């Protein structure tokens, strides 16, 4: 499991979501997959996985850290209305 720290948090009340910019550290480990990131961030933020959308994972070549952009919705209905077309 990677270590996480919140770098930025923004609230979007009209979209029923919060946006998080999270720093993930996974030194001496392979880059985590989207599914791993989603599961570990759900545990880190104490929320359900079905309310999380991983938008971006930015990592420099050979770096053991990444910046992850994640949206956490208030409910699954809001996530499906906005994320799925």
N, C-alpha and C. Protein backbone atom coordinates (compact mmCIF):
# COMPACT_ATOMS: atom_id res chain seq x y z
N UNK A 1 0.84 -1.19 0.00
CA UNK A 1 0.00 0.00 0.00
C UNK A 1 0.88 1.24 0.00
N UNK A 2 0.48 2.23 -0.77
CA UNK A 2 1.21 3.48 -0.85
C UNK A 2 0.83 4.39 0.31
N UNK A 3 1.71 5.34 0.60
CA UNK A 3 1.40 6.36 1.60
C UNK A 3 0.76 7.54 0.89
N UNK A 4 -0.29 8.10 1.48
CA UNK A 4 -1.02 9.19 0.85
C UNK A 4 -1.00 10.43 1.74
N UNK A 5 -0.99 11.60 1.09
CA UNK A 5 -1.17 12.87 1.80
C UNK A 5 -1.96 13.80 0.88
N UNK A 6 -2.90 14.53 1.47
CA UNK A 6 -3.75 15.44 0.70
C UNK A 6 -2.98 16.74 0.47
N UNK A 7 -2.85 17.10 -0.81
CA UNK A 7 -2.17 18.35 -1.17
C UNK A 7 -3.18 19.48 -1.38
N UNK A 8 -4.35 19.14 -1.91
CA UNK A 8 -5.37 20.15 -2.19
C UNK A 8 -6.75 19.50 -2.12
N UNK A 9 -7.71 20.23 -1.61
CA UNK A 9 -9.10 19.76 -1.55
C UNK A 9 -10.01 20.90 -1.98
N UNK A 10 -10.92 20.61 -2.92
CA UNK A 10 -11.88 21.62 -3.39
C UNK A 10 -13.27 21.02 -3.36
N UNK A 11 -14.25 21.85 -3.01
CA UNK A 11 -15.63 21.42 -2.93
C UNK A 11 -16.41 21.97 -4.12
N UNK A 12 -17.18 21.12 -4.78
CA UNK A 12 -18.04 21.50 -5.90
C UNK A 12 -19.48 21.12 -5.55
N UNK A 13 -20.18 21.98 -4.81
CA UNK A 13 -21.53 21.62 -4.34
C UNK A 13 -22.55 21.41 -5.46
N UNK A 14 -22.41 22.11 -6.58
CA UNK A 14 -23.37 21.92 -7.67
C UNK A 14 -23.21 20.57 -8.35
N UNK A 15 -22.03 19.99 -8.28
CA UNK A 15 -21.80 18.68 -8.87
C UNK A 15 -21.83 17.56 -7.83
N UNK A 16 -22.11 17.90 -6.59
CA UNK A 16 -22.17 16.93 -5.49
C UNK A 16 -20.87 16.15 -5.35
N UNK A 17 -19.73 16.84 -5.44
CA UNK A 17 -18.46 16.15 -5.32
C UNK A 17 -17.39 17.04 -4.71
N UNK A 18 -16.33 16.37 -4.26
CA UNK A 18 -15.11 17.04 -3.81
C UNK A 18 -13.98 16.55 -4.69
N UNK A 19 -13.06 17.45 -4.99
CA UNK A 19 -11.88 17.10 -5.77
C UNK A 19 -10.68 17.10 -4.84
N UNK A 20 -9.87 16.05 -4.94
CA UNK A 20 -8.67 15.94 -4.11
C UNK A 20 -7.45 15.79 -5.01
N UNK A 21 -6.39 16.51 -4.68
CA UNK A 21 -5.08 16.28 -5.27
C UNK A 21 -4.26 15.62 -4.18
N UNK A 22 -3.89 14.38 -4.42
CA UNK A 22 -3.25 13.56 -3.39
C UNK A 22 -1.86 13.14 -3.85
N UNK A 23 -0.91 13.23 -2.95
CA UNK A 23 0.44 12.76 -3.23
C UNK A 23 0.53 11.31 -2.75
N UNK A 24 0.88 10.42 -3.67
CA UNK A 24 1.03 9.00 -3.35
C UNK A 24 2.51 8.64 -3.41
N UNK A 25 3.01 8.02 -2.36
CA UNK A 25 4.41 7.58 -2.31
C UNK A 25 4.44 6.06 -2.31
N UNK A 26 5.20 5.50 -3.24
CA UNK A 26 5.32 4.04 -3.35
C UNK A 26 6.76 3.69 -3.74
N UNK A 27 7.68 4.16 -2.94
CA UNK A 27 9.11 3.98 -3.21
C UNK A 27 9.46 2.50 -3.17
N UNK A 28 10.27 2.08 -4.14
CA UNK A 28 10.72 0.69 -4.30
C UNK A 28 9.56 -0.27 -4.59
N UNK A 29 8.47 0.26 -5.13
CA UNK A 29 7.32 -0.57 -5.50
C UNK A 29 6.88 -0.16 -6.90
N UNK A 30 6.20 -1.02 -7.63
CA UNK A 30 5.68 -0.63 -8.95
C UNK A 30 4.56 0.40 -8.81
N UNK A 31 4.33 1.14 -9.88
CA UNK A 31 3.24 2.12 -9.89
C UNK A 31 1.91 1.40 -9.68
N UNK A 32 1.10 1.85 -8.72
CA UNK A 32 -0.19 1.19 -8.47
C UNK A 32 -1.16 1.39 -9.65
N UNK A 33 -2.02 0.44 -9.85
CA UNK A 33 -3.04 0.54 -10.89
C UNK A 33 -4.17 1.47 -10.41
N UNK A 34 -5.05 1.85 -11.34
CA UNK A 34 -6.20 2.68 -10.96
C UNK A 34 -7.05 1.98 -9.90
N UNK A 35 -7.23 0.68 -10.03
CA UNK A 35 -8.04 -0.08 -9.07
C UNK A 35 -7.38 -0.07 -7.69
N UNK A 36 -6.05 -0.23 -7.64
CA UNK A 36 -5.34 -0.18 -6.36
C UNK A 36 -5.45 1.21 -5.73
N UNK A 37 -5.26 2.23 -6.56
CA UNK A 37 -5.37 3.62 -6.07
C UNK A 37 -6.77 3.85 -5.50
N UNK A 38 -7.78 3.43 -6.24
CA UNK A 38 -9.17 3.64 -5.81
C UNK A 38 -9.44 2.96 -4.47
N UNK A 39 -9.00 1.71 -4.34
CA UNK A 39 -9.22 0.96 -3.10
C UNK A 39 -8.49 1.60 -1.92
N UNK A 40 -7.23 1.97 -2.12
CA UNK A 40 -6.44 2.55 -1.04
C UNK A 40 -6.90 3.96 -0.66
N UNK A 41 -7.32 4.74 -1.64
CA UNK A 41 -7.82 6.09 -1.33
C UNK A 41 -9.17 6.01 -0.62
N UNK A 42 -10.00 5.03 -0.97
CA UNK A 42 -11.27 4.84 -0.26
C UNK A 42 -11.00 4.57 1.22
N UNK A 43 -10.00 3.76 1.50
CA UNK A 43 -9.62 3.49 2.89
C UNK A 43 -9.06 4.74 3.55
N UNK A 44 -8.19 5.46 2.82
CA UNK A 44 -7.54 6.66 3.35
C UNK A 44 -8.56 7.76 3.67
N UNK A 45 -9.55 7.96 2.78
CA UNK A 45 -10.56 9.01 2.97
C UNK A 45 -11.80 8.51 3.73
N UNK A 46 -11.81 7.22 4.09
CA UNK A 46 -12.93 6.62 4.83
C UNK A 46 -14.26 6.80 4.10
N UNK A 47 -14.28 6.38 2.85
CA UNK A 47 -15.49 6.45 2.03
C UNK A 47 -15.61 5.16 1.23
N UNK A 48 -16.71 5.00 0.49
CA UNK A 48 -16.92 3.80 -0.31
C UNK A 48 -16.24 3.95 -1.67
N UNK A 49 -15.76 2.83 -2.20
CA UNK A 49 -15.10 2.83 -3.51
C UNK A 49 -16.03 3.24 -4.63
N UNK A 50 -17.32 2.92 -4.52
CA UNK A 50 -18.26 3.21 -5.60
C UNK A 50 -18.60 4.70 -5.72
N UNK A 51 -18.04 5.54 -4.86
CA UNK A 51 -18.24 6.99 -4.94
C UNK A 51 -16.99 7.71 -5.43
N UNK A 52 -15.96 6.97 -5.83
CA UNK A 52 -14.68 7.57 -6.20
C UNK A 52 -14.44 7.40 -7.70
N UNK A 53 -13.94 8.48 -8.33
CA UNK A 53 -13.51 8.44 -9.73
C UNK A 53 -12.06 8.92 -9.77
N UNK A 54 -11.15 8.05 -10.20
CA UNK A 54 -9.74 8.42 -10.36
C UNK A 54 -9.62 9.10 -11.71
N UNK A 55 -9.21 10.36 -11.73
CA UNK A 55 -9.15 11.13 -12.96
C UNK A 55 -7.77 11.14 -13.59
N UNK A 56 -6.72 11.21 -12.76
CA UNK A 56 -5.39 11.34 -13.32
C UNK A 56 -4.34 10.84 -12.34
N UNK A 57 -3.31 10.19 -12.88
CA UNK A 57 -2.15 9.80 -12.09
C UNK A 57 -0.93 10.36 -12.83
N UNK A 58 -0.27 11.35 -12.24
CA UNK A 58 0.92 11.96 -12.85
C UNK A 58 2.15 11.51 -12.09
N UNK A 59 3.09 10.92 -12.85
CA UNK A 59 4.31 10.43 -12.23
C UNK A 59 5.48 10.74 -13.15
N UNK A 60 6.58 11.23 -12.57
CA UNK A 60 7.80 11.43 -13.33
C UNK A 60 8.50 10.10 -13.52
N UNK A 61 9.28 9.99 -14.60
CA UNK A 61 9.97 8.74 -14.90
C UNK A 61 10.92 8.36 -13.78
N UNK A 62 10.77 7.15 -13.27
CA UNK A 62 11.65 6.64 -12.23
C UNK A 62 11.38 7.17 -10.84
N UNK A 63 10.37 8.00 -10.68
CA UNK A 63 10.04 8.58 -9.38
C UNK A 63 9.18 7.60 -8.59
N UNK A 64 9.33 7.62 -7.29
CA UNK A 64 8.53 6.77 -6.42
C UNK A 64 7.33 7.49 -5.85
N UNK A 65 6.97 8.63 -6.47
CA UNK A 65 5.80 9.39 -6.03
C UNK A 65 4.97 9.76 -7.25
N UNK A 66 3.70 10.02 -7.01
CA UNK A 66 2.79 10.45 -8.07
C UNK A 66 1.77 11.40 -7.48
N UNK A 67 1.26 12.29 -8.32
CA UNK A 67 0.14 13.16 -7.94
C UNK A 67 -1.11 12.56 -8.56
N UNK A 68 -2.09 12.31 -7.71
CA UNK A 68 -3.32 11.64 -8.14
C UNK A 68 -4.49 12.61 -7.95
N UNK A 69 -5.26 12.80 -9.03
CA UNK A 69 -6.46 13.62 -8.96
C UNK A 69 -7.66 12.68 -8.85
N UNK A 70 -8.46 12.89 -7.81
CA UNK A 70 -9.59 12.00 -7.51
C UNK A 70 -10.82 12.85 -7.22
N UNK A 71 -11.97 12.40 -7.73
CA UNK A 71 -13.26 13.02 -7.38
C UNK A 71 -14.00 12.07 -6.45
N UNK A 72 -14.51 12.61 -5.36
CA UNK A 72 -15.33 11.83 -4.43
C UNK A 72 -16.73 12.43 -4.43
N UNK A 73 -17.69 11.65 -4.87
CA UNK A 73 -19.08 12.10 -4.98
C UNK A 73 -19.85 11.82 -3.70
N UNK A 74 -20.92 12.59 -3.49
CA UNK A 74 -21.74 12.41 -2.29
C UNK A 74 -22.51 11.10 -2.32
N UNK A 75 -22.87 10.65 -3.52
CA UNK A 75 -23.56 9.38 -3.66
C UNK A 75 -23.26 8.77 -5.02
N UNK A 76 -23.56 7.51 -5.16
CA UNK A 76 -23.27 6.80 -6.40
C UNK A 76 -24.10 7.32 -7.57
N UNK A 77 -25.31 7.79 -7.28
CA UNK A 77 -26.19 8.33 -8.32
C UNK A 77 -25.55 9.56 -8.97
N UNK A 78 -24.95 10.43 -8.19
CA UNK A 78 -24.30 11.63 -8.73
C UNK A 78 -23.10 11.24 -9.59
N UNK A 79 -22.35 10.25 -9.14
CA UNK A 79 -21.20 9.78 -9.92
C UNK A 79 -21.64 9.26 -11.27
N UNK A 80 -22.66 8.44 -11.29
CA UNK A 80 -23.13 7.86 -12.56
C UNK A 80 -23.72 8.91 -13.47
N UNK A 81 -24.38 9.93 -12.91
CA UNK A 81 -24.99 10.97 -13.74
C UNK A 81 -23.93 11.83 -14.42
N UNK A 82 -22.80 12.03 -13.78
CA UNK A 82 -21.77 12.92 -14.33
C UNK A 82 -20.67 12.15 -15.06
N UNK A 83 -20.19 11.07 -14.51
CA UNK A 83 -19.04 10.36 -15.06
C UNK A 83 -19.41 9.44 -16.23
N UNK A 84 -20.55 8.83 -16.20
CA UNK A 84 -20.92 7.89 -17.25
C UNK A 84 -21.87 8.55 -18.24
N UNK A 85 -21.51 8.41 -19.50
CA UNK A 85 -22.34 9.03 -20.55
C UNK A 85 -23.14 7.96 -21.26
